[in-house]
PDB file of N, CA and C in Angstrom:
ATOM      1  N   MET A   1     114.411  95.876 113.935  1.00  0.00           N
ATOM      2  CA  MET A   1     114.167  96.322 112.576  1.00  0.00           C
ATOM      3  C   MET A   1     115.279  95.789 111.666  1.00  0.00           C
ATOM      4  N   TYR A   2     114.912  95.383 110.478  1.00  0.00           N
ATOM      5  CA  TYR A   2     115.870  94.840 109.533  1.00  0.00           C
ATOM      6  C   TYR A   2     116.535  95.961 108.744  1.00  0.00           C
ATOM      7  N   ASP A   3     117.759  95.722 108.358  1.00  0.00           N
ATOM      8  CA  ASP A   3     118.507  96.670 107.540  1.00  0.00           C
ATOM      9  C   ASP A   3     118.312  96.272 106.075  1.00  0.00           C
ATOM     10  N   TRP A   4     117.495  97.039 105.356  1.00  0.00           N
ATOM     11  CA  TRP A   4     117.175  96.690 103.972  1.00  0.00           C
ATOM     12  C   TRP A   4     118.380  96.782 103.056  1.00  0.00           C
ATOM     13  N   HIS A   5     119.342  97.623 103.397  1.00  0.00           N
ATOM     14  CA  HIS A   5     120.544  97.704 102.566  1.00  0.00           C
ATOM     15  C   HIS A   5     121.379  96.441 102.709  1.00  0.00           C
ATOM     16  N   SER A   6     121.354  95.818 103.891  1.00  0.00           N
ATOM     17  CA  SER A   6     122.041  94.533 104.056  1.00  0.00           C
ATOM     18  C   SER A   6     121.355  93.462 103.216  1.00  0.00           C
ATOM     19  N   PHE A   7     120.006  93.510 103.157  1.00  0.00           N
ATOM     20  CA  PHE A   7     119.278  92.576 102.306  1.00  0.00           C
ATOM     21  C   PHE A   7     119.722  92.742 100.854  1.00  0.00           C
ATOM     22  N   SER A   8     119.752  93.982 100.375  1.00  0.00           N
ATOM     23  CA  SER A   8     120.094  94.205  98.966  1.00  0.00           C
ATOM     24  C   SER A   8     121.530  93.766  98.686  1.00  0.00           C
ATOM     25  N   LYS A   9     122.413  93.953  99.646  1.00  0.00           N
ATOM     26  CA  LYS A   9     123.804  93.506  99.479  1.00  0.00           C
ATOM     27  C   LYS A   9     123.861  91.980  99.365  1.00  0.00           C
ATOM     28  N   ARG A  10     123.137  91.267 100.238  1.00  0.00           N
ATOM     29  CA  ARG A  10     123.122  89.793 100.173  1.00  0.00           C
ATOM     30  C   ARG A  10     122.486  89.331  98.863  1.00  0.00           C
ATOM     31  N   PHE A  11     121.408  89.992  98.454  1.00  0.00           N
ATOM     32  CA  PHE A  11     120.742  89.633  97.209  1.00  0.00           C
ATOM     33  C   PHE A  11     121.685  89.827  96.025  1.00  0.00           C
ATOM     34  N   ARG A  12     122.378  90.938  96.007  1.00  0.00           N
ATOM     35  CA  ARG A  12     123.348  91.226  94.942  1.00  0.00           C
ATOM     36  C   ARG A  12     124.450  90.161  94.926  1.00  0.00           C
ATOM     37  N   GLU A  13     124.958  89.787  96.104  1.00  0.00           N
ATOM     38  CA  GLU A  13     126.012  88.773  96.188  1.00  0.00           C
ATOM     39  C   GLU A  13     125.531  87.416  95.689  1.00  0.00           C
ATOM     40  N   LEU A  14     124.278  87.064  96.028  1.00  0.00           N
ATOM     41  CA  LEU A  14     123.719  85.809  95.527  1.00  0.00           C
ATOM     42  C   LEU A  14     123.645  85.818  94.001  1.00  0.00           C
ATOM     43  N   CYS A  15     123.226  86.929  93.438  1.00  0.00           N
ATOM     44  CA  CYS A  15     123.130  87.040  91.970  1.00  0.00           C
ATOM     45  C   CYS A  15     124.504  86.914  91.322  1.00  0.00           C
ATOM     46  N   ILE A  16     125.489  87.577  91.890  1.00  0.00           N
ATOM     47  CA  ILE A  16     126.849  87.515  91.343  1.00  0.00           C
ATOM     48  C   ILE A  16     127.379  86.088  91.426  1.00  0.00           C
ATOM     49  N   GLU A  17     127.136  85.431  92.564  1.00  0.00           N
ATOM     50  CA  GLU A  17     127.613  84.062  92.755  1.00  0.00           C
ATOM     51  C   GLU A  17     126.908  83.092  91.808  1.00  0.00           C
ATOM     52  N   TYR A  18     125.628  83.301  91.582  1.00  0.00           N
ATOM     53  CA  TYR A  18     124.837  82.376  90.770  1.00  0.00           C
ATOM     54  C   TYR A  18     125.071  82.553  89.270  1.00  0.00           C
ATOM     55  N   CYS A  19     125.133  83.784  88.822  1.00  0.00           N
ATOM     56  CA  CYS A  19     125.168  84.059  87.381  1.00  0.00           C
ATOM     57  C   CYS A  19     126.534  83.788  86.775  1.00  0.00           C
ATOM     58  N   ASP A  20     126.515  83.103  85.650  1.00  0.00           N
ATOM     59  CA  ASP A  20     127.715  82.850  84.865  1.00  0.00           C
ATOM     60  C   ASP A  20     127.274  82.623  83.425  1.00  0.00           C
ATOM     61  N   ILE A  21     128.150  82.119  82.609  1.00  0.00           N
ATOM     62  CA  ILE A  21     127.824  81.918  81.196  1.00  0.00           C
ATOM     63  C   ILE A  21     126.661  80.938  81.031  1.00  0.00           C
ATOM     64  N   GLU A  22     126.631  79.877  81.845  1.00  0.00           N
ATOM     65  CA  GLU A  22     125.575  78.877  81.727  1.00  0.00           C
ATOM     66  C   GLU A  22     124.248  79.375  82.322  1.00  0.00           C
ATOM     67  N   ASN A  23     124.318  80.212  83.328  1.00  0.00           N
ATOM     68  CA  ASN A  23     123.130  80.756  83.999  1.00  0.00           C
ATOM     69  C   ASN A  23     123.216  82.278  84.014  1.00  0.00           C
ATOM     70  N   PRO A  24     122.941  82.925  82.892  1.00  0.00           N
ATOM     71  CA  PRO A  24     123.126  84.379  82.834  1.00  0.00           C
ATOM     72  C   PRO A  24     122.093  85.174  83.634  1.00  0.00           C
ATOM     73  N   ASP A  25     120.926  84.578  83.899  1.00  0.00           N
ATOM     74  CA  ASP A  25     119.873  85.297  84.613  1.00  0.00           C
ATOM     75  C   ASP A  25     119.643  84.689  85.995  1.00  0.00           C
ATOM     76  N   PRO A  26     119.459  85.535  86.995  1.00  0.00           N
ATOM     77  CA  PRO A  26     119.168  85.023  88.339  1.00  0.00           C
ATOM     78  C   PRO A  26     117.836  84.269  88.354  1.00  0.00           C
ATOM     79  N   PRO A  27     117.699  83.277  89.231  1.00  0.00           N
ATOM     80  CA  PRO A  27     116.486  82.451  89.269  1.00  0.00           C
ATOM     81  C   PRO A  27     115.356  83.119  90.059  1.00  0.00           C
ATOM     82  N   VAL A  28     114.875  84.233  89.585  1.00  0.00           N
ATOM     83  CA  VAL A  28     113.835  84.972  90.307  1.00  0.00           C
ATOM     84  C   VAL A  28     112.635  85.232  89.393  1.00  0.00           C
ATOM     85  N   ASN A  29     112.087  84.171  88.833  1.00  0.00           N
ATOM     86  CA  ASN A  29     110.909  84.299  87.965  1.00  0.00           C
ATOM     87  C   ASN A  29     109.748  84.842  88.784  1.00  0.00           C
ATOM     88  N   GLY A  30     109.070  85.826  88.231  1.00  0.00           N
ATOM     89  CA  GLY A  30     107.932  86.404  88.924  1.00  0.00           C
ATOM     90  C   GLY A  30     108.218  87.783  89.494  1.00  0.00           C
ATOM     91  N   ILE A  31     109.450  88.254  89.327  1.00  0.00           N
ATOM     92  CA  ILE A  31     109.818  89.601  89.759  1.00  0.00           C
ATOM     93  C   ILE A  31     110.209  90.377  88.502  1.00  0.00           C
ATOM     94  N   SER A  32     109.530  91.491  88.270  1.00  0.00           N
ATOM     95  CA  SER A  32     109.819  92.269  87.060  1.00  0.00           C
ATOM     96  C   SER A  32     111.249  92.812  87.094  1.00  0.00           C
ATOM     97  N   GLU A  33     111.760  93.145  85.923  1.00  0.00           N
ATOM     98  CA  GLU A  33     113.126  93.663  85.834  1.00  0.00           C
ATOM     99  C   GLU A  33     113.292  94.960  86.617  1.00  0.00           C
ATOM    100  N   SER A  34     112.310  95.852  86.537  1.00  0.00           N
ATOM    101  CA  SER A  34     112.428  97.120  87.273  1.00  0.00           C
ATOM    102  C   SER A  34     112.366  96.882  88.778  1.00  0.00           C
ATOM    103  N   ARG A  35     111.505  95.974  89.205  1.00  0.00           N
ATOM    104  CA  ARG A  35     111.408  95.650  90.634  1.00  0.00           C
ATOM    105  C   ARG A  35     112.694  94.968  91.105  1.00  0.00           C
ATOM    106  N   PHE A  36     113.210  94.053  90.285  1.00  0.00           N
ATOM    107  CA  PHE A  36     114.468  93.374  90.578  1.00  0.00           C
ATOM    108  C   PHE A  36     115.587  94.400  90.793  1.00  0.00           C
ATOM    109  N   ASN A  37     115.698  95.363  89.879  1.00  0.00           N
ATOM    110  CA  ASN A  37     116.742  96.389  89.988  1.00  0.00           C
ATOM    111  C   ASN A  37     116.561  97.237  91.244  1.00  0.00           C
ATOM    112  N   SER A  38     115.319  97.513  91.617  1.00  0.00           N
ATOM    113  CA  SER A  38     115.057  98.279  92.841  1.00  0.00           C
ATOM    114  C   SER A  38     115.465  97.494  94.079  1.00  0.00           C
ATOM    115  N   LEU A  39     115.239  96.191  94.074  1.00  0.00           N
ATOM    116  CA  LEU A  39     115.627  95.354  95.214  1.00  0.00           C
ATOM    117  C   LEU A  39     117.143  95.255  95.325  1.00  0.00           C
ATOM    118  N   ILE A  40     117.805  95.097  94.186  1.00  0.00           N
ATOM    119  CA  ILE A  40     119.272  95.012  94.169  1.00  0.00           C
ATOM    120  C   ILE A  40     119.905  96.312  94.661  1.00  0.00           C
ATOM    121  N   SER A  41     119.337  97.426  94.258  1.00  0.00           N
ATOM    122  CA  SER A  41     119.918  98.725  94.625  1.00  0.00           C
ATOM    123  C   SER A  41     119.533  99.161  96.038  1.00  0.00           C
ATOM    124  N   GLY A  42     118.528  98.498  96.604  1.00  0.00           N
ATOM    125  CA  GLY A  42     118.118  98.849  97.957  1.00  0.00           C
ATOM    126  C   GLY A  42     117.141 100.013  98.028  1.00  0.00           C
ATOM    127  N   THR A  43     116.561 100.392  96.885  1.00  0.00           N
ATOM    128  CA  THR A  43     115.610 101.499  96.889  1.00  0.00           C
ATOM    129  C   THR A  43     114.191 101.046  97.216  1.00  0.00           C
ATOM    130  N   ARG A  44     113.949  99.749  97.205  1.00  0.00           N
ATOM    131  CA  ARG A  44     112.645  99.191  97.561  1.00  0.00           C
ATOM    132  C   ARG A  44     112.837  98.031  98.526  1.00  0.00           C
ATOM    133  N   LYS A  45     111.867  97.873  99.416  1.00  0.00           N
ATOM    134  CA  LYS A  45     111.868  96.738 100.337  1.00  0.00           C
ATOM    135  C   LYS A  45     111.150  95.572  99.667  1.00  0.00           C
ATOM    136  N   PRO A  46     111.625  94.343  99.904  1.00  0.00           N
ATOM    137  CA  PRO A  46     110.961  93.194  99.290  1.00  0.00           C
ATOM    138  C   PRO A  46     109.628  92.904  99.971  1.00  0.00           C
ATOM    139  N   THR A  47     108.681  92.440  99.188  1.00  0.00           N
ATOM    140  CA  THR A  47     107.412  91.985  99.728  1.00  0.00           C
ATOM    141  C   THR A  47     107.601  90.559 100.239  1.00  0.00           C
ATOM    142  N   PRO A  48     106.688  90.062 101.051  1.00  0.00           N
ATOM    143  CA  PRO A  48     106.800  88.659 101.478  1.00  0.00           C
ATOM    144  C   PRO A  48     106.830  87.698 100.286  1.00  0.00           C
ATOM    145  N   GLU A  49     106.065  87.991  99.258  1.00  0.00           N
ATOM    146  CA  GLU A  49     106.050  87.134  98.068  1.00  0.00           C
ATOM    147  C   GLU A  49     107.409  87.145  97.371  1.00  0.00           C
ATOM    148  N   GLU A  50     108.026  88.317  97.285  1.00  0.00           N
ATOM    149  CA  GLU A  50     109.348  88.412  96.652  1.00  0.00           C
ATOM    150  C   GLU A  50     110.407  87.681  97.470  1.00  0.00           C
ATOM    151  N   LEU A  51     110.308  87.769  98.783  1.00  0.00           N
ATOM    152  CA  LEU A  51     111.238  87.037  99.639  1.00  0.00           C
ATOM    153  C   LEU A  51     111.120  85.538  99.388  1.00  0.00           C
ATOM    154  N   LEU A  52     109.908  85.060  99.239  1.00  0.00           N
ATOM    155  CA  LEU A  52     109.688  83.642  98.973  1.00  0.00           C
ATOM    156  C   LEU A  52     110.268  83.244  97.619  1.00  0.00           C
ATOM    157  N   ILE A  53     110.036  84.063  96.594  1.00  0.00           N
ATOM    158  CA  ILE A  53     110.566  83.784  95.251  1.00  0.00           C
ATOM    159  C   ILE A  53     112.093  83.733  95.286  1.00  0.00           C
ATOM    160  N   ILE A  54     112.708  84.705  95.939  1.00  0.00           N
ATOM    161  CA  ILE A  54     114.180  84.760  96.016  1.00  0.00           C
ATOM    162  C   ILE A  54     114.716  83.592  96.821  1.00  0.00           C
ATOM    163  N   SER A  55     114.070  83.302  97.950  1.00  0.00           N
ATOM    164  CA  SER A  55     114.482  82.190  98.802  1.00  0.00           C
ATOM    165  C   SER A  55     114.457  80.871  98.037  1.00  0.00           C
ATOM    166  N   GLU A  56     113.367  80.635  97.335  1.00  0.00           N
ATOM    167  CA  GLU A  56     113.244  79.396  96.567  1.00  0.00           C
ATOM    168  C   GLU A  56     114.222  79.366  95.399  1.00  0.00           C
ATOM    169  N   GLY A  57     114.381  80.473  94.706  1.00  0.00           N
ATOM    170  CA  GLY A  57     115.263  80.521  93.542  1.00  0.00           C
ATOM    171  C   GLY A  57     116.714  80.242  93.873  1.00  0.00           C
ATOM    172  N   PHE A  58     117.178  80.795  94.977  1.00  0.00           N
ATOM    173  CA  PHE A  58     118.578  80.631  95.362  1.00  0.00           C
ATOM    174  C   PHE A  58     118.783  79.531  96.400  1.00  0.00           C
ATOM    175  N   ASN A  59     117.677  78.914  96.836  1.00  0.00           N
ATOM    176  CA  ASN A  59     117.739  77.841  97.828  1.00  0.00           C
ATOM    177  C   ASN A  59     118.422  78.291  99.120  1.00  0.00           C
ATOM    178  N   VAL A  60     117.995  79.454  99.603  1.00  0.00           N
ATOM    179  CA  VAL A  60     118.456  79.963 100.892  1.00  0.00           C
ATOM    180  C   VAL A  60     117.213  80.270 101.729  1.00  0.00           C
ATOM    181  N   SER A  61     117.403  80.414 103.019  1.00  0.00           N
ATOM    182  CA  SER A  61     116.255  80.704 103.870  1.00  0.00           C
ATOM    183  C   SER A  61     115.914  82.194 103.833  1.00  0.00           C
ATOM    184  N   ILE A  62     114.681  82.488 104.158  1.00  0.00           N
ATOM    185  CA  ILE A  62     114.269  83.879 104.293  1.00  0.00           C
ATOM    186  C   ILE A  62     115.050  84.518 105.429  1.00  0.00           C
ATOM    187  N   ASN A  63     115.335  83.740 106.459  1.00  0.00           N
ATOM    188  CA  ASN A  63     116.143  84.239 107.569  1.00  0.00           C
ATOM    189  C   ASN A  63     117.497  84.737 107.065  1.00  0.00           C
ATOM    190  N   TYR A  64     118.125  83.980 106.175  1.00  0.00           N
ATOM    191  CA  TYR A  64     119.402  84.405 105.616  1.00  0.00           C
ATOM    192  C   TYR A  64     119.248  85.705 104.834  1.00  0.00           C
ATOM    193  N   LEU A  65     118.213  85.779 104.009  1.00  0.00           N
ATOM    194  CA  LEU A  65     117.996  87.000 103.216  1.00  0.00           C
ATOM    195  C   LEU A  65     117.821  88.221 104.109  1.00  0.00           C
ATOM    196  N   MET A  66     117.120  88.044 105.219  1.00  0.00           N
ATOM    197  CA  MET A  66     116.801  89.178 106.086  1.00  0.00           C
ATOM    198  C   MET A  66     117.914  89.521 107.068  1.00  0.00           C
ATOM    199  N   THR A  67     118.633  88.509 107.553  1.00  0.00           N
ATOM    200  CA  THR A  67     119.603  88.756 108.627  1.00  0.00           C
ATOM    201  C   THR A  67     121.033  88.376 108.267  1.00  0.00           C
ATOM    202  N   GLY A  68     121.203  87.562 107.245  1.00  0.00           N
ATOM    203  CA  GLY A  68     122.534  87.068 106.906  1.00  0.00           C
ATOM    204  C   GLY A  68     122.912  85.831 107.702  1.00  0.00           C
ATOM    205  N   ASP A  69     122.022  85.379 108.576  1.00  0.00           N
ATOM    206  CA  ASP A  69     122.275  84.229 109.444  1.00  0.00           C
ATOM    207  C   ASP A  69     121.540  83.016 108.883  1.00  0.00           C
ATOM    208  N   GLU A  70     122.239  81.941 108.633  1.00  0.00           N
ATOM    209  CA  GLU A  70     121.631  80.741 108.054  1.00  0.00           C
ATOM    210  C   GLU A  70     121.415  79.685 109.136  1.00  0.00           C
ATOM    211  N   LEU A  71     120.654  80.060 110.175  1.00  0.00           N
ATOM    212  CA  LEU A  71     120.364  79.113 111.236  1.00  0.00           C
ATOM    213  C   LEU A  71     119.303  78.108 110.847  1.00  0.00           C
ATOM    214  N   PHE A  72     118.445  78.483 109.928  1.00  0.00           N
ATOM    215  CA  PHE A  72     117.333  77.629 109.557  1.00  0.00           C
ATOM    216  C   PHE A  72     117.549  77.086 108.157  1.00  0.00           C
ATOM    217  N   PRO A  73     117.030  75.906 107.884  1.00  0.00           N
ATOM    218  CA  PRO A  73     117.167  75.352 106.540  1.00  0.00           C
ATOM    219  C   PRO A  73     116.344  76.145 105.541  1.00  0.00           C
ATOM    220  N   SER A  74     116.584  75.877 104.290  1.00  0.00           N
ATOM    221  CA  SER A  74     115.827  76.511 103.217  1.00  0.00           C
ATOM    222  C   SER A  74     114.335  76.309 103.427  1.00  0.00           C
ATOM    223  N   ILE A  75     113.576  77.229 102.925  1.00  0.00           N
ATOM    224  CA  ILE A  75     112.125  77.161 103.069  1.00  0.00           C
ATOM    225  C   ILE A  75     111.521  75.989 102.297  1.00  0.00           C
ATOM    226  N   HIS A  76     112.279  75.368 101.409  1.00  0.00           N
ATOM    227  CA  HIS A  76     111.757  74.249 100.622  1.00  0.00           C
ATOM    228  C   HIS A  76     111.268  73.104 101.495  1.00  0.00           C
ATOM    229  N   GLY A  77     111.882  72.915 102.646  1.00  0.00           N
ATOM    230  CA  GLY A  77     111.500  71.814 103.516  1.00  0.00           C
ATOM    231  C   GLY A  77     110.310  72.115 104.396  1.00  0.00           C
ATOM    232  N   LEU A  78     109.792  73.305 104.356  1.00  0.00           N
ATOM    233  CA  LEU A  78     108.674  73.692 105.202  1.00  0.00           C
ATOM    234  C   LEU A  78     107.343  73.391 104.539  1.00  0.00           C
ATOM    235  N   LYS A  79     106.359  73.128 105.386  1.00  0.00           N
ATOM    236  CA  LYS A  79     104.994  73.001 104.879  1.00  0.00           C
ATOM    237  C   LYS A  79     104.493  74.387 104.531  1.00  0.00           C
ATOM    238  N   LYS A  80     103.539  74.448 103.634  1.00  0.00           N
ATOM    239  CA  LYS A  80     103.025  75.726 103.155  1.00  0.00           C
ATOM    240  C   LYS A  80     102.533  76.606 104.306  1.00  0.00           C
ATOM    241  N   LYS A  81     101.832  76.035 105.267  1.00  0.00           N
ATOM    242  CA  LYS A  81     101.313  76.831 106.386  1.00  0.00           C
ATOM    243  C   LYS A  81     102.443  77.377 107.249  1.00  0.00           C
ATOM    244  N   ASP A  82     103.537  76.602 107.406  1.00  0.00           N
ATOM    245  CA  ASP A  82     104.677  77.087 108.184  1.00  0.00           C
ATOM    246  C   ASP A  82     105.396  78.211 107.450  1.00  0.00           C
ATOM    247  N   ALA A  83     105.521  78.074 106.135  1.00  0.00           N
ATOM    248  CA  ALA A  83     106.143  79.133 105.346  1.00  0.00           C
ATOM    249  C   ALA A  83     105.316  80.410 105.434  1.00  0.00           C
ATOM    250  N   GLN A  84     103.995  80.286 105.356  1.00  0.00           N
ATOM    251  CA  GLN A  84     103.133  81.461 105.444  1.00  0.00           C
ATOM    252  C   GLN A  84     103.248  82.117 106.816  1.00  0.00           C
ATOM    253  N   ARG A  85     103.368  81.313 107.862  1.00  0.00           N
ATOM    254  CA  ARG A  85     103.528  81.851 109.218  1.00  0.00           C
ATOM    255  C   ARG A  85     104.807  82.682 109.312  1.00  0.00           C
ATOM    256  N   ILE A  86     105.893  82.193 108.724  1.00  0.00           N
ATOM    257  CA  ILE A  86     107.158  82.931 108.735  1.00  0.00           C
ATOM    258  C   ILE A  86     107.006  84.237 107.962  1.00  0.00           C
ATOM    259  N   LEU A  87     106.382  84.174 106.797  1.00  0.00           N
ATOM    260  CA  LEU A  87     106.183  85.385 106.004  1.00  0.00           C
ATOM    261  C   LEU A  87     105.294  86.385 106.731  1.00  0.00           C
ATOM    262  N   ASP A  88     104.271  85.914 107.406  1.00  0.00           N
ATOM    263  CA  ASP A  88     103.397  86.794 108.180  1.00  0.00           C
ATOM    264  C   ASP A  88     104.174  87.480 109.300  1.00  0.00           C
ATOM    265  N   GLU A  89     105.042  86.724 109.954  1.00  0.00           N
ATOM    266  CA  GLU A  89     105.863  87.281 111.037  1.00  0.00           C
ATOM    267  C   GLU A  89     106.803  88.367 110.500  1.00  0.00           C
ATOM    268  N   ILE A  90     107.431  88.100 109.372  1.00  0.00           N
ATOM    269  CA  ILE A  90     108.319  89.092 108.757  1.00  0.00           C
ATOM    270  C   ILE A  90     107.531  90.333 108.378  1.00  0.00           C
ATOM    271  N   ASP A  91     106.354  90.115 107.777  1.00  0.00           N
ATOM    272  CA  ASP A  91     105.527  91.232 107.360  1.00  0.00           C
ATOM    273  C   ASP A  91     105.097  92.078 108.559  1.00  0.00           C
ATOM    274  N   SER A  92     104.788  91.453 109.681  1.00  0.00           N
ATOM    275  CA  SER A  92     104.360  92.210 110.863  1.00  0.00           C
ATOM    276  C   SER A  92     105.498  93.056 111.419  1.00  0.00           C
ATOM    277  N   LYS A  93     106.724  92.636 111.240  1.00  0.00           N
ATOM    278  CA  LYS A  93     107.878  93.403 111.726  1.00  0.00           C
ATOM    279  C   LYS A  93     108.177  94.593 110.830  1.00  0.00           C
ATOM    280  N   ARG A  94     107.692  94.557 109.577  1.00  0.00           N
ATOM    281  CA  ARG A  94     107.918  95.660 108.636  1.00  0.00           C
ATOM    282  C   ARG A  94     107.043  96.854 108.971  1.00  0.00           C
ATOM    283  N   GLU A  95     105.950  96.637 109.670  1.00  0.00           N
ATOM    284  CA  GLU A  95     104.991  97.719 109.942  1.00  0.00           C
ATOM    285  C   GLU A  95     105.420  98.606 111.071  1.00  0.00           C
TER     286      GLU A  95
END
């Protein structure tokens, strides 16, 4: 089982690292502000779609977001069907 508070901590750290005067907003288009705040605070679990948006925005792997381990390259290099397979696997572990 994944520790969702560890996810929110990594997500928060990515936002802090990314945001500055030139880039004041995190690159997570498609996630509402209220949902974003819930993910940062750890009060909500990310959906597979949100994991994909965050992964692509920050150019990190979903594996990193979920475990903190960057064994796999960013999802950008994956074919769409392979990315969906990974998201399906993550989703099945949430149940």
